[in-house]
């Protein structure tokens, strides 16, 4: 039994924000029917290399990017540019609880698939739109991509090395605006489903990447609104806590530079760090006795700590600091991440029997529910893999009708 058993989602989204949302819903047990363009499918199917190499040794057309955001779904191909394709979507909507799309503002109305049209067919429908800037406001017609949103939403103004150290704006290494929007959309859909259960009323959820990115500014946004400050880039240091940053340590065995993250979150931890470092007097120094003082005197304290950290290798620091209860960590490459015993103990890699590869390894869902565990039933689908199955199951189409639609390139 999964949490969302009995919930069906018609997913017209592609790339990342929408698929990330629907992948989470699918993990929780929803039947997600992914609508893809005949012949090409989700854009990310071609976003490689790398592409999946099958058991036959041949490189497939399945990009790793696509595989990482579409597990537990069924793929149905449908050309919504054709009136017959639009009608097919309307027929499917009658059997669904959720509809999600990330087309440009106005496109769904042009196809007759907007919220007003579909809610008339299914009043309980939860309809979720994901766009760069939302359905309203002066930027609504614009296309908004994650990279642009990271810039416009302030994230790149606080990400990267300090300007006085030669830094400049830097995007985050993964598409965090897309991912967070997908997760907020998941929360909104779950809340709307709860409302629909109680009242029989569906609703339109208007998700915007820019809104999400502004919300993600978190403490930095609050710093500005409360105090009027305009925080800049701090590299690997924290805006509000010291010492809370990356420090270089003694060189690695091969002579290359090595680093640790030191994350001192309170005054007690600072005293413990100073004891481990052999400099207990720093914790008693009136300039550094509290976090507020350490932030104020950051420019004096950090240069004092840098040669201390460089005096010992990474393994020594990590062992000593962990034993003392001082938060710290290594900076792992991805091969080290997946070899980490904690990551392995938490089962963060799933093994799937994919049509092209018997043992396809993908990152697992982090959700761990005690009574309704996440689903691990369907690997990311091949393009149109479930078209016949869904049309027969939901609409009762026979083989002849399916073949006729395929001949007209509707599906």
Protein backbone atom coordinates (compact mmCIF):
# COMPACT_ATOMS: atom_id res chain seq x y z
CA UNK A 1 0.00 0.00 0.00
CA UNK A 2 1.39 3.40 -1.04
CA UNK A 3 0.28 6.80 0.25
CA UNK A 4 -1.22 7.97 -3.06
CA UNK A 5 -2.76 4.71 -4.26
CA UNK A 6 -5.85 5.58 -6.32
CA UNK A 7 -4.61 9.02 -7.40
CA UNK A 8 -4.06 9.43 -11.13
CA UNK A 9 -1.95 12.22 -12.61
CA UNK A 10 -1.98 13.36 -16.24
CA UNK A 11 1.47 14.85 -16.74
CA UNK A 12 2.02 17.20 -19.69
CA UNK A 13 5.23 18.62 -18.24
CA UNK A 14 8.76 18.08 -19.48
CA UNK A 15 12.41 18.83 -18.64
CA UNK A 16 12.79 19.12 -14.85
CA UNK A 17 10.48 21.12 -12.56
CA UNK A 18 7.28 19.32 -13.60
CA UNK A 19 8.83 15.86 -13.99
CA UNK A 20 10.52 16.23 -10.58
CA UNK A 21 7.12 16.93 -9.05
CA UNK A 22 5.38 14.04 -10.78
CA UNK A 23 8.24 11.65 -10.04
CA UNK A 24 7.71 12.37 -6.35
CA UNK A 25 3.97 11.79 -6.70
CA UNK A 26 4.69 8.55 -8.57
CA UNK A 27 7.11 7.43 -5.86
CA UNK A 28 4.29 7.94 -3.35
CA UNK A 29 2.03 5.64 -5.36
CA UNK A 30 0.18 7.89 -7.81
CA UNK A 31 -0.43 6.54 -11.31
CA UNK A 32 1.43 9.13 -13.38
CA UNK A 33 0.68 9.08 -17.11
CA UNK A 34 3.39 11.04 -18.86
CA UNK A 35 2.16 12.61 -22.12
CA UNK A 36 4.99 12.92 -24.66
CA UNK A 37 5.31 14.13 -28.22
CA UNK A 38 5.26 11.29 -30.74
CA UNK A 39 8.71 10.66 -32.18
CA UNK A 40 10.73 12.83 -29.80
CA UNK A 41 9.20 12.84 -26.34
CA UNK A 42 10.44 14.83 -23.37
CA UNK A 43 13.27 17.17 -24.41
CA UNK A 44 15.59 15.61 -21.85
CA UNK A 45 15.53 12.23 -23.60
CA UNK A 46 18.12 13.78 -25.92
CA UNK A 47 20.07 15.78 -23.33
CA UNK A 48 23.26 13.76 -23.41
CA UNK A 49 25.78 12.31 -23.35
CA UNK A 50 25.77 10.34 -21.21
CA UNK A 51 23.19 7.97 -22.65
CA UNK A 52 22.19 4.59 -21.27
CA UNK A 53 24.28 1.73 -22.64
CA UNK A 54 22.09 -1.36 -22.83
CA UNK A 55 22.95 -4.93 -22.00
CA UNK A 56 23.73 -5.44 -25.70
CA UNK A 57 26.58 -2.92 -25.41
CA UNK A 58 24.92 -0.39 -27.71
CA UNK A 59 24.34 3.20 -26.70
CA UNK A 60 20.59 3.91 -26.51
CA UNK A 61 18.64 7.14 -27.01
CA UNK A 62 17.82 7.31 -23.29
CA UNK A 63 19.77 10.17 -21.68
CA UNK A 64 20.79 9.86 -18.05
CA UNK A 65 19.13 13.25 -17.48
CA UNK A 66 15.73 11.84 -18.48
CA UNK A 67 16.24 8.63 -16.50
CA UNK A 68 16.90 10.61 -13.33
CA UNK A 69 13.51 12.37 -13.28
CA UNK A 70 10.93 9.93 -14.65
CA UNK A 71 10.82 6.71 -12.66
CA UNK A 72 7.53 5.04 -11.75
CA UNK A 73 5.62 6.67 -14.64
CA UNK A 74 3.79 5.40 -17.72
CA UNK A 75 4.53 7.01 -21.10
CA UNK A 76 1.74 7.75 -23.58
CA UNK A 77 2.47 9.59 -26.83
CA UNK A 78 -0.07 12.19 -27.99
CA UNK A 79 0.18 15.10 -30.42
CA UNK A 80 -1.76 17.86 -28.68
CA UNK A 81 -1.27 20.14 -31.69
CA UNK A 82 -3.92 18.03 -33.47
CA UNK A 83 -7.59 18.47 -32.53
CA UNK A 84 -7.84 14.69 -32.13
CA UNK A 85 -4.92 14.79 -29.69
CA UNK A 86 -6.60 17.57 -27.71
CA UNK A 87 -9.78 15.54 -27.57
CA UNK A 88 -7.83 12.53 -26.33
CA UNK A 89 -6.43 14.61 -23.46
CA UNK A 90 -9.94 15.77 -22.58
CA UNK A 91 -11.14 12.18 -22.48
CA UNK A 92 -8.26 11.15 -20.23
CA UNK A 93 -8.84 14.10 -17.88
CA UNK A 94 -12.22 12.66 -16.89
CA UNK A 95 -10.32 9.74 -15.33
CA UNK A 96 -7.63 11.78 -13.55
CA UNK A 97 -7.29 13.65 -10.27
CA UNK A 98 -4.36 15.89 -11.20
CA UNK A 99 -3.30 17.65 -14.39
CA UNK A 100 0.14 19.27 -14.61
CA UNK A 101 1.67 21.30 -17.42
CA UNK A 102 4.58 23.67 -17.99
CA UNK A 103 3.68 25.28 -21.31
CA UNK A 104 3.98 29.01 -21.92
CA UNK A 105 1.19 31.15 -20.55
CA UNK A 106 -1.75 31.00 -22.95
CA UNK A 107 -0.71 27.84 -24.80
CA UNK A 108 -3.10 25.58 -22.94
CA UNK A 109 -6.04 27.89 -23.69
CA UNK A 110 -5.08 27.86 -27.36
CA UNK A 111 -5.36 24.06 -27.28
CA UNK A 112 -8.58 24.12 -25.29
CA UNK A 113 -6.78 22.48 -22.37
CA UNK A 114 -6.69 25.37 -19.90
CA UNK A 115 -7.98 25.14 -16.34
CA UNK A 116 -11.41 26.56 -17.14
CA UNK A 117 -12.00 24.09 -19.96
CA UNK A 118 -10.78 20.99 -18.12
CA UNK A 119 -12.39 21.80 -14.76
CA UNK A 120 -15.72 21.99 -16.59
CA UNK A 121 -15.17 18.34 -17.52
CA UNK A 122 -13.86 17.30 -14.10
CA UNK A 123 -14.76 19.72 -11.27
CA UNK A 124 -12.50 17.89 -8.77
CA UNK A 125 -9.45 18.27 -11.01
CA UNK A 126 -6.32 19.71 -9.40
CA UNK A 127 -4.69 21.65 -12.23
CA UNK A 128 -1.05 22.72 -11.74
CA UNK A 129 0.78 25.11 -14.07
CA UNK A 130 4.55 25.61 -13.79
CA UNK A 131 6.14 28.56 -15.59
CA UNK A 132 9.12 30.82 -15.16
CA UNK A 133 7.18 33.83 -13.93
CA UNK A 134 3.64 32.70 -13.21
CA UNK A 135 0.29 33.36 -14.86
CA UNK A 136 0.17 37.05 -13.88
CA UNK A 137 2.50 40.04 -13.79
CA UNK A 138 4.53 41.89 -16.45
CA UNK A 139 6.92 38.97 -17.03
CA UNK A 140 4.23 36.30 -17.39
CA UNK A 141 4.69 35.89 -21.18
CA UNK A 142 8.45 35.36 -20.87
CA UNK A 143 10.21 32.02 -20.97
CA UNK A 144 12.00 31.48 -17.68
CA UNK A 145 14.79 28.93 -17.44
CA UNK A 146 16.51 27.86 -14.24
CA UNK A 147 19.79 29.61 -15.04
CA UNK A 148 18.00 32.90 -15.76
CA UNK A 149 15.89 32.54 -12.63
CA UNK A 150 18.95 31.91 -10.44
CA UNK A 151 20.25 35.25 -11.68
CA UNK A 152 17.03 37.27 -11.54
CA UNK A 153 15.99 35.78 -8.21
CA UNK A 154 19.16 36.86 -6.39
CA UNK A 155 20.80 33.46 -5.93
CA UNK A 156 23.79 34.21 -8.14
CA UNK A 157 24.40 37.50 -6.31
CA UNK A 158 25.19 35.49 -3.17
CA UNK A 159 26.84 32.46 -4.81
CA UNK A 160 30.52 32.53 -5.77
CA UNK A 161 33.74 33.85 -4.33
CA UNK A 162 33.94 37.35 -2.87
CA UNK A 163 34.55 40.10 -5.41
CA UNK A 164 37.67 41.31 -3.57
CA UNK A 165 39.12 37.81 -4.02
CA UNK A 166 38.52 37.80 -7.75
CA UNK A 167 35.11 36.19 -7.63
CA UNK A 168 32.00 36.77 -9.69
CA UNK A 169 28.44 35.53 -10.07
CA UNK A 170 28.15 31.75 -10.00
CA UNK A 171 25.19 29.48 -10.59
CA UNK A 172 24.56 26.44 -8.42
CA UNK A 173 25.78 23.19 -9.96
CA UNK A 174 22.31 21.66 -10.27
CA UNK A 175 19.07 23.34 -11.38
CA UNK A 176 17.87 24.23 -7.89
CA UNK A 177 15.12 26.65 -8.98
CA UNK A 178 13.58 23.87 -11.07
CA UNK A 179 13.97 21.31 -8.31
CA UNK A 180 12.54 23.49 -5.55
CA UNK A 181 9.64 24.53 -7.77
CA UNK A 182 8.94 20.86 -8.39
CA UNK A 183 8.92 20.16 -4.67
CA UNK A 184 6.73 23.17 -3.85
CA UNK A 185 4.37 22.03 -6.61
CA UNK A 186 4.21 18.61 -4.96
CA UNK A 187 3.24 20.20 -1.66
CA UNK A 188 0.60 22.36 -3.35
CA UNK A 189 -0.89 19.40 -5.20
CA UNK A 190 -1.13 17.33 -2.02
CA UNK A 191 -2.86 20.20 -0.23
CA UNK A 192 -5.27 20.71 -3.16
CA UNK A 193 -6.07 17.00 -3.24
CA UNK A 194 -6.95 17.16 0.46
CA UNK A 195 -9.27 20.10 -0.25
CA UNK A 196 -10.86 18.24 -3.18
CA UNK A 197 -11.50 15.22 -0.96
CA UNK A 198 -13.32 17.38 1.59
CA UNK A 199 -15.27 19.65 -0.75
CA UNK A 200 -15.36 18.08 -4.22
CA UNK A 201 -13.70 21.23 -5.56
CA UNK A 202 -10.54 21.22 -7.62
CA UNK A 203 -8.40 24.31 -8.10
CA UNK A 204 -5.66 25.90 -10.19
CA UNK A 205 -2.14 25.95 -8.73
CA UNK A 206 0.02 28.68 -10.26
CA UNK A 207 3.70 27.83 -9.66
CA UNK A 208 6.46 30.18 -10.78
CA UNK A 209 10.19 29.51 -10.71
CA UNK A 210 10.90 33.14 -9.80
CA UNK A 211 8.48 33.03 -6.84
CA UNK A 212 10.17 29.88 -5.60
CA UNK A 213 13.66 31.32 -6.04
CA UNK A 214 12.72 34.43 -4.06
CA UNK A 215 11.30 32.24 -1.28
CA UNK A 216 14.50 30.17 -1.32
CA UNK A 217 16.54 33.21 -0.30
CA UNK A 218 15.46 32.23 3.22
CA UNK A 219 17.61 33.93 5.87
CA UNK A 220 19.30 36.18 3.31
CA UNK A 221 15.94 37.50 2.13
CA UNK A 222 14.98 38.07 5.75
CA UNK A 223 18.31 39.82 6.39
CA UNK A 224 17.47 42.32 3.67
CA UNK A 225 13.82 42.87 4.56
CA UNK A 226 14.47 43.16 8.30
CA UNK A 227 17.72 45.12 8.31
CA UNK A 228 18.02 46.60 4.80
CA UNK A 229 21.28 44.80 4.14
CA UNK A 230 22.24 43.71 0.64
CA UNK A 231 24.36 40.58 1.17
CA UNK A 232 27.08 39.84 -1.35
CA UNK A 233 28.99 36.75 -2.33
CA UNK A 234 30.87 35.06 0.49
CA UNK A 235 32.46 32.16 -1.34
CA UNK A 236 32.37 29.14 0.97
CA UNK A 237 31.76 31.20 4.10
CA UNK A 238 28.41 31.70 5.86
CA UNK A 239 26.77 35.12 5.99
CA UNK A 240 25.70 34.85 9.63
CA UNK A 241 27.97 32.28 11.32
CA UNK A 242 31.77 32.14 11.90
CA UNK A 243 33.71 29.87 11.48
CA UNK A 244 31.38 28.11 9.07
CA UNK A 245 33.23 27.57 5.79
CA UNK A 246 35.71 25.54 3.77
CA UNK A 247 39.30 25.48 5.07
CA UNK A 248 42.38 24.16 3.34
CA UNK A 249 44.18 21.48 5.35
CA UNK A 250 47.53 19.75 4.92
CA UNK A 251 48.14 18.36 1.41
CA UNK A 252 46.77 14.96 0.45
CA UNK A 253 49.10 11.97 0.10
CA UNK A 254 49.66 12.75 -3.59
CA UNK A 255 50.62 16.33 -2.79
CA UNK A 256 47.38 17.89 -4.04
CA UNK A 257 45.46 20.45 -2.04
CA UNK A 258 42.89 19.11 0.39
CA UNK A 259 39.99 20.71 2.23
CA UNK A 260 37.38 20.21 4.93
CA UNK A 261 34.16 21.96 5.83
CA UNK A 262 34.16 23.35 9.37
CA UNK A 263 30.59 24.16 10.47
CA UNK A 264 30.73 25.67 13.96
CA UNK A 265 27.11 26.47 14.80
CA UNK A 266 27.32 27.79 18.36
CA UNK A 267 29.71 29.05 21.02
CA UNK A 268 30.07 25.66 22.69
CA UNK A 269 31.16 24.09 19.44
CA UNK A 270 33.66 26.91 18.93
CA UNK A 271 35.22 26.17 22.33
CA UNK A 272 35.46 22.48 21.43
CA UNK A 273 37.06 23.31 18.09
CA UNK A 274 39.63 25.56 19.76
CA UNK A 275 40.50 22.78 22.20
CA UNK A 276 40.99 20.28 19.34
CA UNK A 277 43.08 22.87 17.50
CA UNK A 278 45.32 23.39 20.54
CA UNK A 279 44.29 27.03 20.85
CA UNK A 280 41.80 27.16 23.76
CA UNK A 281 42.63 30.80 24.40
CA UNK A 282 40.81 31.82 21.21
CA UNK A 283 37.49 30.75 22.70
CA UNK A 284 38.11 33.00 25.70
CA UNK A 285 39.28 35.97 23.62
CA UNK A 286 36.73 38.79 24.10
CA UNK A 287 36.73 39.39 20.32
CA UNK A 288 35.54 35.84 19.59
CA UNK A 289 33.54 34.79 22.65
CA UNK A 290 30.18 34.81 20.84
CA UNK A 291 29.04 34.20 17.31
CA UNK A 292 27.99 37.85 17.00
CA UNK A 293 31.51 38.90 17.88
CA UNK A 294 33.05 36.32 15.57
CA UNK A 295 30.96 37.60 12.66
CA UNK A 296 32.00 41.16 13.51
CA UNK A 297 35.68 40.17 13.69
CA UNK A 298 35.59 37.64 10.83
CA UNK A 299 38.43 39.41 9.00
CA UNK A 300 40.73 38.93 12.01
CA UNK A 301 39.67 35.45 13.13
CA UNK A 302 39.67 33.54 9.85
CA UNK A 303 43.32 34.39 8.99
CA UNK A 304 44.27 33.12 12.45
CA UNK A 305 42.52 29.81 11.81
CA UNK A 306 43.83 29.17 8.30
CA UNK A 307 47.42 28.18 9.23
CA UNK A 308 46.10 26.08 12.11
CA UNK A 309 43.89 24.05 9.76
CA UNK A 310 46.76 23.66 7.28
CA UNK A 311 48.92 22.04 9.94
CA UNK A 312 47.12 18.66 9.92
CA UNK A 313 45.74 16.37 7.20
CA UNK A 314 42.04 15.92 6.47
CA UNK A 315 41.67 12.50 8.09
CA UNK A 316 43.19 13.74 11.36
CA UNK A 317 40.92 16.76 11.51
CA UNK A 318 37.77 14.83 10.68
CA UNK A 319 38.44 12.15 13.27
CA UNK A 320 39.33 14.61 16.02
CA UNK A 321 36.49 17.04 15.34
CA UNK A 322 33.86 14.31 15.04
CA UNK A 323 35.06 12.80 18.34
CA UNK A 324 34.70 16.23 19.97
CA UNK A 325 31.23 16.83 18.55
CA UNK A 326 32.25 19.63 16.21
CA UNK A 327 30.30 19.53 12.90
CA UNK A 328 32.64 18.97 9.96
CA UNK A 329 32.80 17.09 6.71
CA UNK A 330 34.72 16.15 3.61
CA UNK A 331 34.04 17.54 0.13
CA UNK A 332 33.27 14.39 -1.81
CA UNK A 333 33.33 13.77 -5.53
CA UNK A 334 30.30 11.89 -6.82
CA UNK A 335 32.18 8.58 -6.92
CA UNK A 336 33.00 9.12 -3.24
CA UNK A 337 29.39 10.04 -2.47
CA UNK A 338 28.02 6.75 -3.77
CA UNK A 339 30.83 4.79 -2.07
CA UNK A 340 30.13 6.47 1.27
CA UNK A 341 28.99 3.91 3.89
CA UNK A 342 26.25 6.21 5.16
CA UNK A 343 24.83 6.72 1.66
CA UNK A 344 24.94 2.96 1.14
CA UNK A 345 23.37 2.23 4.52
CA UNK A 346 20.50 4.59 3.65
CA UNK A 347 19.89 2.71 0.37
CA UNK A 348 20.20 5.81 -1.80
CA UNK A 349 20.72 3.79 -4.98
CA UNK A 350 17.86 1.83 -6.53
CA UNK A 351 18.28 -1.06 -8.96
CA UNK A 352 15.74 -1.26 -11.79
CA UNK A 353 15.04 -3.89 -14.43
CA UNK A 354 14.83 -1.59 -17.45
CA UNK A 355 13.80 -2.87 -20.90
CA UNK A 356 17.30 -2.03 -22.18
CA UNK A 357 19.35 -2.87 -19.10
CA UNK A 358 18.60 -5.54 -16.53
CA UNK A 359 20.38 -3.69 -13.72
CA UNK A 360 19.88 0.05 -14.13
CA UNK A 361 21.19 1.99 -11.14
CA UNK A 362 19.56 5.33 -10.31
CA UNK A 363 19.44 7.64 -7.30
CA UNK A 364 16.66 6.55 -4.96
CA UNK A 365 13.93 8.67 -3.40
CA UNK A 366 14.98 10.06 -0.02
CA UNK A 367 11.44 9.60 1.33
CA UNK A 368 11.32 6.95 4.04
CA UNK A 369 7.77 6.44 5.30
CA UNK A 370 7.28 3.87 8.02
CA UNK A 371 3.88 2.51 6.93
CA UNK A 372 3.49 3.52 3.29
CA UNK A 373 6.93 3.13 1.67
CA UNK A 374 7.72 4.68 -1.67
CA UNK A 375 7.10 2.63 -4.79
CA UNK A 376 9.88 1.00 -6.80
CA UNK A 377 7.83 -0.67 -9.51
CA UNK A 378 8.37 1.02 -12.86
CA UNK A 379 11.72 2.08 -14.33
CA UNK A 380 11.73 5.27 -16.44
CA UNK A 381 9.62 4.35 -19.50
CA UNK A 382 10.64 4.12 -23.12
CA UNK A 383 8.89 6.67 -25.31
CA UNK A 384 5.25 5.65 -25.70
CA UNK A 385 5.83 2.36 -23.91
CA UNK A 386 2.40 2.35 -22.25
CA UNK A 387 0.27 4.06 -24.91
CA UNK A 388 -1.78 1.00 -25.85
CA UNK A 389 -2.07 -0.12 -22.23
CA UNK A 390 -3.43 3.22 -20.97
CA UNK A 391 -5.86 3.76 -23.83
CA UNK A 392 -7.31 0.28 -23.41
CA UNK A 393 -7.42 0.46 -19.62
CA UNK A 394 -8.91 3.95 -19.16
CA UNK A 395 -10.85 4.57 -22.36
CA UNK A 396 -11.66 1.05 -23.51
CA UNK A 397 -10.06 1.52 -26.92
CA UNK A 398 -9.62 -1.66 -28.92
CA UNK A 399 -6.66 -2.53 -31.11
CA UNK A 400 -8.32 -1.21 -34.26
CA UNK A 401 -9.03 2.22 -32.78
CA UNK A 402 -5.51 2.46 -31.39
CA UNK A 403 -4.06 1.51 -34.77
CA UNK A 404 -6.21 4.13 -36.52
CA UNK A 405 -5.04 6.88 -34.16
CA UNK A 406 -1.46 5.81 -34.64
CA UNK A 407 -1.86 5.88 -38.42
CA UNK A 408 -3.04 9.51 -38.17
CA UNK A 409 -0.03 10.24 -35.93
CA UNK A 410 -2.30 11.36 -33.10
CA UNK A 411 -0.43 8.94 -30.84
